[in-house]
């Protein structure tokens, strides 16, 4: 997967806004980050890394233990790093949608009401 492909999936989320460029390019909804590109590479594979939120810490740990994700530098809790090398489009769509939904659900009701409606 390329960065452009990943960005296109992020951009398709209702109300998503790209923040950056800079040291930390990110995608936000309601001013809160749901995906980002860091100025770092995955240490073991030396490939570009994107960071997304999972539904909870347990899911993050499970993905890390299964080798489907890694713990990204500077992030904690339910956030995981995904390497673009080998990440297929369907998995990327799922991870981005999950992260977006978690962050959007955490916004105030007023902020949520200001966003475009979610598609079914």
PDB file of N, CA and C in Angstrom:
ATOM      1  N   UNK A   1       0.843  -1.170   0.000  1.00  0.00           N
ATOM      2  CA  UNK A   1       0.000   0.000   0.000  1.00  0.00           C
ATOM      3  C   UNK A   1       0.889   1.233   0.000  1.00  0.00           C
ATOM      4  N   UNK A   2       0.455   2.242  -0.727  1.00  0.00           N
ATOM      5  CA  UNK A   2       1.208   3.495  -0.779  1.00  0.00           C
ATOM      6  C   UNK A   2       0.592   4.513   0.178  1.00  0.00           C
ATOM      7  N   UNK A   3       1.335   5.536   0.432  1.00  0.00           N
ATOM      8  CA  UNK A   3       0.817   6.617   1.274  1.00  0.00           C
ATOM      9  C   UNK A   3      -0.395   7.275   0.620  1.00  0.00           C
ATOM     10  N   UNK A   4      -0.349   7.472  -0.688  1.00  0.00           N
ATOM     11  CA  UNK A   4      -1.488   8.080  -1.387  1.00  0.00           C
ATOM     12  C   UNK A   4      -2.742   7.229  -1.242  1.00  0.00           C
ATOM     13  N   UNK A   5      -2.605   5.912  -1.333  1.00  0.00           N
ATOM     14  CA  UNK A   5      -3.756   5.025  -1.163  1.00  0.00           C
ATOM     15  C   UNK A   5      -4.312   5.111   0.255  1.00  0.00           C
ATOM     16  N   UNK A   6      -3.414   5.119   1.242  1.00  0.00           N
ATOM     17  CA  UNK A   6      -3.834   5.242   2.638  1.00  0.00           C
ATOM     18  C   UNK A   6      -4.543   6.575   2.866  1.00  0.00           C
ATOM     19  N   UNK A   7      -3.962   7.650   2.333  1.00  0.00           N
ATOM     20  CA  UNK A   7      -4.572   8.974   2.471  1.00  0.00           C
ATOM     21  C   UNK A   7      -5.955   9.031   1.819  1.00  0.00           C
ATOM     22  N   UNK A   8      -6.120   8.364   0.686  1.00  0.00           N
ATOM     23  CA  UNK A   8      -7.422   8.365   0.002  1.00  0.00           C
ATOM     24  C   UNK A   8      -8.487   7.685   0.865  1.00  0.00           C
ATOM     25  N   UNK A   9      -8.122   6.619   1.552  1.00  0.00           N
ATOM     26  CA  UNK A   9      -9.076   5.940   2.435  1.00  0.00           C
ATOM     27  C   UNK A   9      -9.438   6.855   3.607  1.00  0.00           C
ATOM     28  N   UNK A  10      -8.448   7.519   4.169  1.00  0.00           N
ATOM     29  CA  UNK A  10      -8.710   8.458   5.274  1.00  0.00           C
ATOM     30  C   UNK A  10      -9.604   9.603   4.808  1.00  0.00           C
ATOM     31  N   UNK A  11      -9.316  10.141   3.636  1.00  0.00           N
ATOM     32  CA  UNK A  11     -10.075  11.277   3.112  1.00  0.00           C
ATOM     33  C   UNK A  11     -11.540  10.931   2.862  1.00  0.00           C
ATOM     34  N   UNK A  12     -11.842   9.666   2.663  1.00  0.00           N
ATOM     35  CA  UNK A  12     -13.219   9.236   2.393  1.00  0.00           C
ATOM     36  C   UNK A  12     -14.089   9.208   3.644  1.00  0.00           C
ATOM     37  N   UNK A  13     -13.492   9.344   4.814  1.00  0.00           N
ATOM     38  CA  UNK A  13     -14.266   9.343   6.065  1.00  0.00           C
ATOM     39  C   UNK A  13     -14.998  10.678   6.193  1.00  0.00           C
ATOM     40  N   UNK A  14     -16.284  10.664   6.570  1.00  0.00           N
ATOM     41  CA  UNK A  14     -17.068  11.911   6.651  1.00  0.00           C
ATOM     42  C   UNK A  14     -16.452  12.941   7.613  1.00  0.00           C
ATOM     43  N   UNK A  15     -16.142  14.106   7.082  1.00  0.00           N
ATOM     44  CA  UNK A  15     -15.598  15.184   7.900  1.00  0.00           C
ATOM     45  C   UNK A  15     -14.111  15.079   8.182  1.00  0.00           C
ATOM     46  N   UNK A  16     -13.426  14.137   7.534  1.00  0.00           N
ATOM     47  CA  UNK A  16     -11.982  13.979   7.767  1.00  0.00           C
ATOM     48  C   UNK A  16     -11.219  15.158   7.178  1.00  0.00           C
ATOM     49  N   UNK A  17     -10.216  15.616   7.925  1.00  0.00           N
ATOM     50  CA  UNK A  17      -9.387  16.742   7.515  1.00  0.00           C
ATOM     51  C   UNK A  17      -7.934  16.351   7.704  1.00  0.00           C
ATOM     52  N   UNK A  18      -7.116  16.652   6.706  1.00  0.00           N
ATOM     53  CA  UNK A  18      -5.685  16.367   6.809  1.00  0.00           C
ATOM     54  C   UNK A  18      -4.997  17.535   7.496  1.00  0.00           C
ATOM     55  N   UNK A  19      -4.142  17.217   8.448  1.00  0.00           N
ATOM     56  CA  UNK A  19      -3.362  18.205   9.180  1.00  0.00           C
ATOM     57  C   UNK A  19      -1.896  17.971   8.841  1.00  0.00           C
ATOM     58  N   UNK A  20      -1.171  19.005   8.612  1.00  0.00           N
ATOM     59  CA  UNK A  20       0.234  18.866   8.229  1.00  0.00           C
ATOM     60  C   UNK A  20       0.427  19.672   6.960  1.00  0.00           C
ATOM     61  N   UNK A  21       1.465  19.510   6.223  1.00  0.00           N
ATOM     62  CA  UNK A  21       2.560  18.598   6.503  1.00  0.00           C
ATOM     63  C   UNK A  21       3.463  19.138   7.594  1.00  0.00           C
ATOM     64  N   UNK A  22       4.235  18.254   8.103  1.00  0.00           N
ATOM     65  CA  UNK A  22       5.152  18.605   9.170  1.00  0.00           C
ATOM     66  C   UNK A  22       5.755  17.345   9.716  1.00  0.00           C
ATOM     67  N   UNK A  23       6.252  17.442  10.923  1.00  0.00           N
ATOM     68  CA  UNK A  23       6.860  16.268  11.539  1.00  0.00           C
ATOM     69  C   UNK A  23       5.830  15.172  11.755  1.00  0.00           C
ATOM     70  N   UNK A  24       4.583  15.562  12.019  1.00  0.00           N
ATOM     71  CA  UNK A  24       3.529  14.587  12.258  1.00  0.00           C
ATOM     72  C   UNK A  24       2.309  14.942  11.408  1.00  0.00           C
ATOM     73  N   UNK A  25       2.240  14.379  10.207  1.00  0.00           N
ATOM     74  CA  UNK A  25       1.059  14.549   9.367  1.00  0.00           C
ATOM     75  C   UNK A  25      -0.032  13.662   9.927  1.00  0.00           C
ATOM     76  N   UNK A  26      -1.250  14.181   9.998  1.00  0.00           N
ATOM     77  CA  UNK A  26      -2.319  13.372  10.571  1.00  0.00           C
ATOM     78  C   UNK A  26      -3.641  13.635   9.883  1.00  0.00           C
ATOM     79  N   UNK A  27      -4.554  12.706  10.106  1.00  0.00           N
ATOM     80  CA  UNK A  27      -5.947  12.842   9.685  1.00  0.00           C
ATOM     81  C   UNK A  27      -6.776  13.018  10.934  1.00  0.00           C
ATOM     82  N   UNK A  28      -7.678  13.999  10.908  1.00  0.00           N
ATOM     83  CA  UNK A  28      -8.473  14.315  12.087  1.00  0.00           C
ATOM     84  C   UNK A  28      -9.952  14.362  11.751  1.00  0.00           C
ATOM     85  N   UNK A  29     -10.749  14.137  12.775  1.00  0.00           N
ATOM     86  CA  UNK A  29     -12.188  14.345  12.697  1.00  0.00           C
ATOM     87  C   UNK A  29     -12.567  15.144  13.935  1.00  0.00           C
ATOM     88  N   UNK A  30     -13.258  16.251  13.740  1.00  0.00           N
ATOM     89  CA  UNK A  30     -13.626  17.106  14.862  1.00  0.00           C
ATOM     90  C   UNK A  30     -12.426  17.612  15.638  1.00  0.00           C
ATOM     91  N   UNK A  31     -11.295  17.776  14.959  1.00  0.00           N
ATOM     92  CA  UNK A  31     -10.072  18.262  15.603  1.00  0.00           C
ATOM     93  C   UNK A  31      -9.281  17.202  16.344  1.00  0.00           C
ATOM     94  N   UNK A  32      -9.720  15.956  16.319  1.00  0.00           N
ATOM     95  CA  UNK A  32      -9.033  14.861  17.024  1.00  0.00           C
ATOM     96  C   UNK A  32      -8.439  13.886  16.002  1.00  0.00           C
ATOM     97  N   UNK A  33      -7.217  13.468  16.230  1.00  0.00           N
ATOM     98  CA  UNK A  33      -6.504  12.588  15.311  1.00  0.00           C
ATOM     99  C   UNK A  33      -7.068  11.165  15.317  1.00  0.00           C
ATOM    100  N   UNK A  34      -7.254  10.609  14.109  1.00  0.00           N
ATOM    101  CA  UNK A  34      -7.631   9.206  14.001  1.00  0.00           C
ATOM    102  C   UNK A  34      -6.611   8.385  13.216  1.00  0.00           C
ATOM    103  N   UNK A  35      -5.700   9.032  12.515  1.00  0.00           N
ATOM    104  CA  UNK A  35      -4.617   8.329  11.812  1.00  0.00           C
ATOM    105  C   UNK A  35      -3.476   9.309  11.617  1.00  0.00           C
ATOM    106  N   UNK A  36      -2.258   8.787  11.618  1.00  0.00           N
ATOM    107  CA  UNK A  36      -1.135   9.701  11.388  1.00  0.00           C
ATOM    108  C   UNK A  36       0.052   8.990  10.753  1.00  0.00           C
ATOM    109  N   UNK A  37       0.862   9.821  10.158  1.00  0.00           N
ATOM    110  CA  UNK A  37       2.155   9.423   9.610  1.00  0.00           C
ATOM    111  C   UNK A  37       3.188  10.055  10.516  1.00  0.00           C
ATOM    112  N   UNK A  38       4.093   9.276  11.005  1.00  0.00           N
ATOM    113  CA  UNK A  38       5.162   9.849  11.801  1.00  0.00           C
ATOM    114  C   UNK A  38       6.410  10.008  10.965  1.00  0.00           C
ATOM    115  N   UNK A  39       7.327  10.779  11.464  1.00  0.00           N
ATOM    116  CA  UNK A  39       8.618  10.934  10.816  1.00  0.00           C
ATOM    117  C   UNK A  39       9.544   9.836  11.336  1.00  0.00           C
ATOM    118  N   UNK A  40       9.062   8.582  11.215  1.00  0.00           N
ATOM    119  CA  UNK A  40       9.814   7.431  11.689  1.00  0.00           C
ATOM    120  C   UNK A  40       9.456   6.220  10.850  1.00  0.00           C
ATOM    121  N   UNK A  41      10.319   5.232  10.865  1.00  0.00           N
ATOM    122  CA  UNK A  41      10.064   3.980  10.173  1.00  0.00           C
ATOM    123  C   UNK A  41      10.008   2.880  11.208  1.00  0.00           C
ATOM    124  N   UNK A  42       9.322   1.796  10.864  1.00  0.00           N
ATOM    125  CA  UNK A  42       9.292   0.642  11.748  1.00  0.00           C
ATOM    126  C   UNK A  42      10.713   0.104  11.851  1.00  0.00           C
ATOM    127  N   UNK A  43      11.214   0.000  13.041  1.00  0.00           N
ATOM    128  CA  UNK A  43      12.626  -0.348  13.260  1.00  0.00           C
ATOM    129  C   UNK A  43      13.012  -1.705  12.697  1.00  0.00           C
ATOM    130  N   UNK A  44      12.128  -2.694  12.796  1.00  0.00           N
ATOM    131  CA  UNK A  44      12.487  -4.050  12.364  1.00  0.00           C
ATOM    132  C   UNK A  44      12.412  -4.222  10.853  1.00  0.00           C
ATOM    133  N   UNK A  45      11.454  -3.577  10.207  1.00  0.00           N
ATOM    134  CA  UNK A  45      11.283  -3.772   8.768  1.00  0.00           C
ATOM    135  C   UNK A  45      11.797  -2.602   7.944  1.00  0.00           C
ATOM    136  N   UNK A  46      12.099  -1.482   8.600  1.00  0.00           N
ATOM    137  CA  UNK A  46      12.608  -0.294   7.924  1.00  0.00           C
ATOM    138  C   UNK A  46      11.626   0.221   6.869  1.00  0.00           C
ATOM    139  N   UNK A  47      10.331   0.102   7.134  1.00  0.00           N
ATOM    140  CA  UNK A  47       9.306   0.575   6.211  1.00  0.00           C
ATOM    141  C   UNK A  47       8.470   1.662   6.869  1.00  0.00           C
ATOM    142  N   UNK A  48       7.767   2.414   6.041  1.00  0.00           N
ATOM    143  CA  UNK A  48       6.913   3.485   6.552  1.00  0.00           C
ATOM    144  C   UNK A  48       5.844   2.936   7.476  1.00  0.00           C
ATOM    145  N   UNK A  49       5.535   3.716   8.495  1.00  0.00           N
ATOM    146  CA  UNK A  49       4.551   3.324   9.490  1.00  0.00           C
ATOM    147  C   UNK A  49       3.432   4.350   9.558  1.00  0.00           C
ATOM    148  N   UNK A  50       2.212   3.852   9.678  1.00  0.00           N
ATOM    149  CA  UNK A  50       1.051   4.686   9.971  1.00  0.00           C
ATOM    150  C   UNK A  50       0.513   4.227  11.320  1.00  0.00           C
ATOM    151  N   UNK A  51      -0.134   5.127  12.022  1.00  0.00           N
ATOM    152  CA  UNK A  51      -0.637   4.825  13.363  1.00  0.00           C
ATOM    153  C   UNK A  51      -2.133   5.063  13.393  1.00  0.00           C
ATOM    154  N   UNK A  52      -2.863   4.095  13.947  1.00  0.00           N
ATOM    155  CA  UNK A  52      -4.322   4.184  14.070  1.00  0.00           C
ATOM    156  C   UNK A  52      -4.739   3.706  15.454  1.00  0.00           C
ATOM    157  N   UNK A  53      -5.936   4.086  15.855  1.00  0.00           N
ATOM    158  CA  UNK A  53      -6.490   3.636  17.130  1.00  0.00           C
ATOM    159  C   UNK A  53      -7.270   2.337  16.913  1.00  0.00           C
ATOM    160  N   UNK A  54      -7.240   1.489  17.929  1.00  0.00           N
ATOM    161  CA  UNK A  54      -8.059   0.282  17.936  1.00  0.00           C
ATOM    162  C   UNK A  54      -9.212   0.523  18.915  1.00  0.00           C
ATOM    163  N   UNK A  55     -10.176  -0.364  18.957  1.00  0.00           N
ATOM    164  CA  UNK A  55     -11.303  -0.137  19.877  1.00  0.00           C
ATOM    165  C   UNK A  55     -10.893  -0.052  21.347  1.00  0.00           C
ATOM    166  N   UNK A  56      -9.837  -0.788  21.729  1.00  0.00           N
ATOM    167  CA  UNK A  56      -9.413  -0.803  23.128  1.00  0.00           C
ATOM    168  C   UNK A  56      -7.989  -1.359  23.234  1.00  0.00           C
ATOM    169  N   UNK A  57      -7.433  -1.287  24.436  1.00  0.00           N
ATOM    170  CA  UNK A  57      -6.066  -1.780  24.663  1.00  0.00           C
ATOM    171  C   UNK A  57      -5.931  -3.267  24.387  1.00  0.00           C
ATOM    172  N   UNK A  58      -6.971  -4.030  24.729  1.00  0.00           N
ATOM    173  CA  UNK A  58      -6.915  -5.471  24.530  1.00  0.00           C
ATOM    174  C   UNK A  58      -6.765  -5.810  23.049  1.00  0.00           C
ATOM    175  N   UNK A  59      -7.493  -5.105  22.204  1.00  0.00           N
ATOM    176  CA  UNK A  59      -7.381  -5.333  20.762  1.00  0.00           C
ATOM    177  C   UNK A  59      -5.993  -4.961  20.278  1.00  0.00           C
ATOM    178  N   UNK A  60      -5.474  -3.840  20.768  1.00  0.00           N
ATOM    179  CA  UNK A  60      -4.129  -3.426  20.383  1.00  0.00           C
ATOM    180  C   UNK A  60      -3.110  -4.499  20.775  1.00  0.00           C
ATOM    181  N   UNK A  61      -3.199  -4.991  21.990  1.00  0.00           N
ATOM    182  CA  UNK A  61      -2.270  -6.029  22.445  1.00  0.00           C
ATOM    183  C   UNK A  61      -2.388  -7.291  21.600  1.00  0.00           C
ATOM    184  N   UNK A  62      -3.621  -7.681  21.271  1.00  0.00           N
ATOM    185  CA  UNK A  62      -3.836  -8.870  20.465  1.00  0.00           C
ATOM    186  C   UNK A  62      -3.200  -8.710  19.078  1.00  0.00           C
ATOM    187  N   UNK A  63      -3.392  -7.542  18.447  1.00  0.00           N
ATOM    188  CA  UNK A  63      -2.813  -7.300  17.132  1.00  0.00           C
ATOM    189  C   UNK A  63      -1.283  -7.304  17.185  1.00  0.00           C
ATOM    190  N   UNK A  64      -0.736  -6.731  18.249  1.00  0.00           N
ATOM    191  CA  UNK A  64       0.717  -6.698  18.409  1.00  0.00           C
ATOM    192  C   UNK A  64       1.261  -8.109  18.629  1.00  0.00           C
ATOM    193  N   UNK A  65       0.627  -8.855  19.516  1.00  0.00           N
ATOM    194  CA  UNK A  65       1.073 -10.224  19.800  1.00  0.00           C
ATOM    195  C   UNK A  65       0.946 -11.128  18.573  1.00  0.00           C
ATOM    196  N   UNK A  66      -0.075 -10.897  17.736  1.00  0.00           N
ATOM    197  CA  UNK A  66      -0.279 -11.703  16.532  1.00  0.00           C
ATOM    198  C   UNK A  66       0.660 -11.291  15.396  1.00  0.00           C
ATOM    199  N   UNK A  67       1.374 -10.187  15.573  1.00  0.00           N
ATOM    200  CA  UNK A  67       2.289  -9.714  14.540  1.00  0.00           C
ATOM    201  C   UNK A  67       1.617  -8.910  13.441  1.00  0.00           C
ATOM    202  N   UNK A  68       0.344  -8.559  13.627  1.00  0.00           N
ATOM    203  CA  UNK A  68      -0.395  -7.780  12.630  1.00  0.00           C
ATOM    204  C   UNK A  68      -0.147  -6.283  12.781  1.00  0.00           C
ATOM    205  N   UNK A  69       0.437  -5.884  13.910  1.00  0.00           N
ATOM    206  CA  UNK A  69       0.723  -4.477  14.197  1.00  0.00           C
ATOM    207  C   UNK A  69       1.912  -4.434  15.146  1.00  0.00           C
ATOM    208  N   UNK A  70       2.394  -3.250  15.408  1.00  0.00           N
ATOM    209  CA  UNK A  70       3.476  -3.085  16.380  1.00  0.00           C
ATOM    210  C   UNK A  70       3.188  -1.853  17.243  1.00  0.00           C
ATOM    211  N   UNK A  71       3.892  -1.782  18.351  1.00  0.00           N
ATOM    212  CA  UNK A  71       3.727  -0.637  19.241  1.00  0.00           C
ATOM    213  C   UNK A  71       4.538   0.520  18.647  1.00  0.00           C
ATOM    214  N   UNK A  72       3.854   1.591  18.273  1.00  0.00           N
ATOM    215  CA  UNK A  72       4.568   2.715  17.665  1.00  0.00           C
ATOM    216  C   UNK A  72       5.257   3.567  18.732  1.00  0.00           C
ATOM    217  N   UNK A  73       6.380   4.165  18.365  1.00  0.00           N
ATOM    218  CA  UNK A  73       7.027   5.055  19.323  1.00  0.00           C
ATOM    219  C   UNK A  73       6.120   6.247  19.631  1.00  0.00           C
ATOM    220  N   UNK A  74       6.153   6.694  20.872  1.00  0.00           N
ATOM    221  CA  UNK A  74       5.445   7.891  21.334  1.00  0.00           C
ATOM    222  C   UNK A  74       3.938   7.712  21.532  1.00  0.00           C
ATOM    223  N   UNK A  75       3.393   6.534  21.254  1.00  0.00           N
ATOM    224  CA  UNK A  75       1.963   6.282  21.429  1.00  0.00           C
ATOM    225  C   UNK A  75       1.767   5.205  22.484  1.00  0.00           C
ATOM    226  N   UNK A  76       0.612   5.258  23.162  1.00  0.00           N
ATOM    227  CA  UNK A  76       0.309   4.270  24.200  1.00  0.00           C
ATOM    228  C   UNK A  76      -1.129   3.797  24.047  1.00  0.00           C
ATOM    229  N   UNK A  77      -1.474   2.865  24.889  1.00  0.00           N
ATOM    230  CA  UNK A  77      -2.854   2.425  24.980  1.00  0.00           C
ATOM    231  C   UNK A  77      -3.335   1.678  23.762  1.00  0.00           C
ATOM    232  N   UNK A  78      -4.408   2.166  23.171  1.00  0.00           N
ATOM    233  CA  UNK A  78      -5.084   1.457  22.090  1.00  0.00           C
ATOM    234  C   UNK A  78      -4.539   1.799  20.698  1.00  0.00           C
ATOM    235  N   UNK A  79      -3.459   2.553  20.625  1.00  0.00           N
ATOM    236  CA  UNK A  79      -2.876   2.917  19.328  1.00  0.00           C
ATOM    237  C   UNK A  79      -1.886   1.855  18.873  1.00  0.00           C
ATOM    238  N   UNK A  80      -1.907   1.560  17.563  1.00  0.00           N
ATOM    239  CA  UNK A  80      -0.966   0.593  16.991  1.00  0.00           C
ATOM    240  C   UNK A  80      -0.344   1.166  15.730  1.00  0.00           C
ATOM    241  N   UNK A  81       0.825   0.657  15.411  1.00  0.00           N
ATOM    242  CA  UNK A  81       1.496   1.012  14.173  1.00  0.00           C
ATOM    243  C   UNK A  81       1.299  -0.085  13.145  1.00  0.00           C
ATOM    244  N   UNK A  82       1.071   0.325  11.920  1.00  0.00           N
ATOM    245  CA  UNK A  82       0.939  -0.600  10.800  1.00  0.00           C
ATOM    246  C   UNK A  82       2.001  -0.251   9.776  1.00  0.00           C
ATOM    247  N   UNK A  83       2.683  -1.238   9.260  1.00  0.00           N
ATOM    248  CA  UNK A  83       3.653  -0.974   8.202  1.00  0.00           C
ATOM    249  C   UNK A  83       2.937  -1.042   6.861  1.00  0.00           C
ATOM    250  N   UNK A  84       3.240  -0.117   5.992  1.00  0.00           N
ATOM    251  CA  UNK A  84       2.576  -0.079   4.689  1.00  0.00           C
ATOM    252  C   UNK A  84       2.979  -1.250   3.812  1.00  0.00           C
ATOM    253  N   UNK A  85       4.203  -1.679   3.948  1.00  0.00           N
ATOM    254  CA  UNK A  85       4.686  -2.799   3.149  1.00  0.00           C
ATOM    255  C   UNK A  85       3.889  -4.046   3.513  1.00  0.00           C
ATOM    256  N   UNK A  86       3.089  -4.530   2.596  1.00  0.00           N
ATOM    257  CA  UNK A  86       2.302  -5.726   2.842  1.00  0.00           C
ATOM    258  C   UNK A  86       0.910  -5.476   3.387  1.00  0.00           C
ATOM    259  N   UNK A  87       0.564  -4.231   3.697  1.00  0.00           N
ATOM    260  CA  UNK A  87      -0.783  -3.917   4.190  1.00  0.00           C
ATOM    261  C   UNK A  87      -1.729  -3.878   2.999  1.00  0.00           C
ATOM    262  N   UNK A  88      -2.747  -4.739   3.009  1.00  0.00           N
ATOM    263  CA  UNK A  88      -3.671  -4.732   1.872  1.00  0.00           C
ATOM    264  C   UNK A  88      -4.784  -3.710   2.085  1.00  0.00           C
ATOM    265  N   UNK A  89      -5.441  -3.359   0.996  1.00  0.00           N
ATOM    266  CA  UNK A  89      -6.428  -2.281   1.025  1.00  0.00           C
ATOM    267  C   UNK A  89      -7.601  -2.595   1.945  1.00  0.00           C
ATOM    268  N   UNK A  90      -8.063  -3.831   1.959  1.00  0.00           N
ATOM    269  CA  UNK A  90      -9.214  -4.179   2.796  1.00  0.00           C
ATOM    270  C   UNK A  90      -8.871  -4.042   4.280  1.00  0.00           C
ATOM    271  N   UNK A  91      -7.688  -4.507   4.676  1.00  0.00           N
ATOM    272  CA  UNK A  91      -7.252  -4.367   6.069  1.00  0.00           C
ATOM    273  C   UNK A  91      -7.093  -2.890   6.422  1.00  0.00           C
ATOM    274  N   UNK A  92      -6.518  -2.109   5.521  1.00  0.00           N
ATOM    275  CA  UNK A  92      -6.349  -0.671   5.772  1.00  0.00           C
ATOM    276  C   UNK A  92      -7.704   0.002   5.940  1.00  0.00           C
ATOM    277  N   UNK A  93      -8.671  -0.305   5.069  1.00  0.00           N
ATOM    278  CA  UNK A  93     -10.003   0.282   5.194  1.00  0.00           C
ATOM    279  C   UNK A  93     -10.631  -0.050   6.547  1.00  0.00           C
ATOM    280  N   UNK A  94     -10.481  -1.307   6.971  1.00  0.00           N
ATOM    281  CA  UNK A  94     -11.034  -1.729   8.262  1.00  0.00           C
ATOM    282  C   UNK A  94     -10.374  -0.983   9.418  1.00  0.00           C
ATOM    283  N   UNK A  95      -9.053  -0.930   9.435  1.00  0.00           N
ATOM    284  CA  UNK A  95      -8.331  -0.272  10.534  1.00  0.00           C
ATOM    285  C   UNK A  95      -8.632   1.224  10.583  1.00  0.00           C
ATOM    286  N   UNK A  96      -8.691   1.865   9.424  1.00  0.00           N
ATOM    287  CA  UNK A  96      -8.990   3.305   9.390  1.00  0.00           C
ATOM    288  C   UNK A  96     -10.421   3.552   9.851  1.00  0.00           C
ATOM    289  N   UNK A  97     -11.373   2.772   9.361  1.00  0.00           N
ATOM    290  CA  UNK A  97     -12.781   2.952   9.752  1.00  0.00           C
ATOM    291  C   UNK A  97     -12.961   2.723  11.249  1.00  0.00           C
ATOM    292  N   UNK A  98     -12.273   1.735  11.805  1.00  0.00           N
ATOM    293  CA  UNK A  98     -12.356   1.453  13.237  1.00  0.00           C
ATOM    294  C   UNK A  98     -11.798   2.614  14.045  1.00  0.00           C
ATOM    295  N   UNK A  99     -10.647   3.119  13.635  1.00  0.00           N
ATOM    296  CA  UNK A  99     -10.023   4.240  14.333  1.00  0.00           C
ATOM    297  C   UNK A  99     -10.907   5.480  14.239  1.00  0.00           C
ATOM    298  N   UNK A 100     -11.386   5.768  13.047  1.00  0.00           N
ATOM    299  CA  UNK A 100     -12.259   6.926  12.832  1.00  0.00           C
ATOM    300  C   UNK A 100     -13.503   6.829  13.726  1.00  0.00           C
ATOM    301  N   UNK A 101     -14.148   5.668  13.736  1.00  0.00           N
ATOM    302  CA  UNK A 101     -15.377   5.490  14.525  1.00  0.00           C
ATOM    303  C   UNK A 101     -15.108   5.695  16.007  1.00  0.00           C
ATOM    304  N   UNK A 102     -13.978   5.194  16.493  1.00  0.00           N
ATOM    305  CA  UNK A 102     -13.649   5.354  17.915  1.00  0.00           C
ATOM    306  C   UNK A 102     -13.457   6.827  18.262  1.00  0.00           C
ATOM    307  N   UNK A 103     -12.698   7.527  17.446  1.00  0.00           N
ATOM    308  CA  UNK A 103     -12.415   8.930  17.733  1.00  0.00           C
ATOM    309  C   UNK A 103     -13.680   9.770  17.574  1.00  0.00           C
ATOM    310  N   UNK A 104     -14.449   9.524  16.530  1.00  0.00           N
ATOM    311  CA  UNK A 104     -15.693  10.286  16.324  1.00  0.00           C
ATOM    312  C   UNK A 104     -16.653  10.069  17.489  1.00  0.00           C
ATOM    313  N   UNK A 105     -16.768   8.846  17.964  1.00  0.00           N
ATOM    314  CA  UNK A 105     -17.681   8.541  19.076  1.00  0.00           C
ATOM    315  C   UNK A 105     -17.270   9.257  20.359  1.00  0.00           C
ATOM    316  N   UNK A 106     -15.992   9.599  20.490  1.00  0.00           N
ATOM    317  CA  UNK A 106     -15.503  10.286  21.676  1.00  0.00           C
ATOM    318  C   UNK A 106     -15.677  11.789  21.638  1.00  0.00           C
ATOM    319  N   UNK A 107     -16.120  12.319  20.507  1.00  0.00           N
ATOM    320  CA  UNK A 107     -16.354  13.756  20.397  1.00  0.00           C
ATOM    321  C   UNK A 107     -17.619  14.144  21.153  1.00  0.00           C
ATOM    322  N   UNK A 108     -17.716  15.398  21.506  1.00  0.00           N
ATOM    323  CA  UNK A 108     -18.944  15.870  22.146  1.00  0.00           C
ATOM    324  C   UNK A 108     -20.110  15.707  21.170  1.00  0.00           C
ATOM    325  N   UNK A 109     -21.312  15.676  21.700  1.00  0.00           N
ATOM    326  CA  UNK A 109     -22.507  15.556  20.850  1.00  0.00           C
ATOM    327  C   UNK A 109     -22.601  16.735  19.889  1.00  0.00           C
ATOM    328  N   UNK A 110     -22.215  17.907  20.348  1.00  0.00           N
ATOM    329  CA  UNK A 110     -22.249  19.091  19.493  1.00  0.00           C
ATOM    330  C   UNK A 110     -21.273  18.941  18.335  1.00  0.00           C
ATOM    331  N   UNK A 111     -20.056  18.488  18.626  1.00  0.00           N
ATOM    332  CA  UNK A 111     -19.056  18.295  17.577  1.00  0.00           C
ATOM    333  C   UNK A 111     -19.510  17.216  16.594  1.00  0.00           C
ATOM    334  N   UNK A 112     -20.112  16.150  17.114  1.00  0.00           N
ATOM    335  CA  UNK A 112     -20.612  15.090  16.233  1.00  0.00           C
ATOM    336  C   UNK A 112     -21.720  15.615  15.325  1.00  0.00           C
ATOM    337  N   UNK A 113     -22.589  16.447  15.866  1.00  0.00           N
ATOM    338  CA  UNK A 113     -23.705  16.990  15.083  1.00  0.00           C
ATOM    339  C   UNK A 113     -23.224  17.907  13.960  1.00  0.00           C
ATOM    340  N   UNK A 114     -22.048  18.518  14.123  1.00  0.00           N
ATOM    341  CA  UNK A 114     -21.490  19.411  13.112  1.00  0.00           C
ATOM    342  C   UNK A 114     -20.842  18.645  11.941  1.00  0.00           C
ATOM    343  N   UNK A 115     -20.687  17.339  12.074  1.00  0.00           N
ATOM    344  CA  UNK A 115     -20.041  16.532  11.045  1.00  0.00           C
ATOM    345  C   UNK A 115     -21.054  16.000  10.044  1.00  0.00           C
ATOM    346  N   UNK A 116     -20.574  15.673   8.842  1.00  0.00           N
ATOM    347  CA  UNK A 116     -21.474  15.010   7.887  1.00  0.00           C
ATOM    348  C   UNK A 116     -21.950  13.681   8.486  1.00  0.00           C
ATOM    349  N   UNK A 117     -23.141  13.240   8.098  1.00  0.00           N
ATOM    350  CA  UNK A 117     -23.663  11.989   8.656  1.00  0.00           C
ATOM    351  C   UNK A 117     -22.815  10.789   8.231  1.00  0.00           C
ATOM    352  N   UNK A 118     -22.841   9.772   9.071  1.00  0.00           N
ATOM    353  CA  UNK A 118     -22.164   8.526   8.747  1.00  0.00           C
ATOM    354  C   UNK A 118     -22.972   7.773   7.703  1.00  0.00           C
ATOM    355  N   UNK A 119     -22.273   7.131   6.795  1.00  0.00           N
ATOM    356  CA  UNK A 119     -22.949   6.307   5.798  1.00  0.00           C
ATOM    357  C   UNK A 119     -23.194   4.934   6.391  1.00  0.00           C
ATOM    358  N   UNK A 120     -24.302   4.316   6.030  1.00  0.00           N
ATOM    359  CA  UNK A 120     -24.617   2.971   6.530  1.00  0.00           C
ATOM    360  C   UNK A 120     -23.858   1.919   5.785  1.00  0.00           C
TER     361      UNK A 120
END
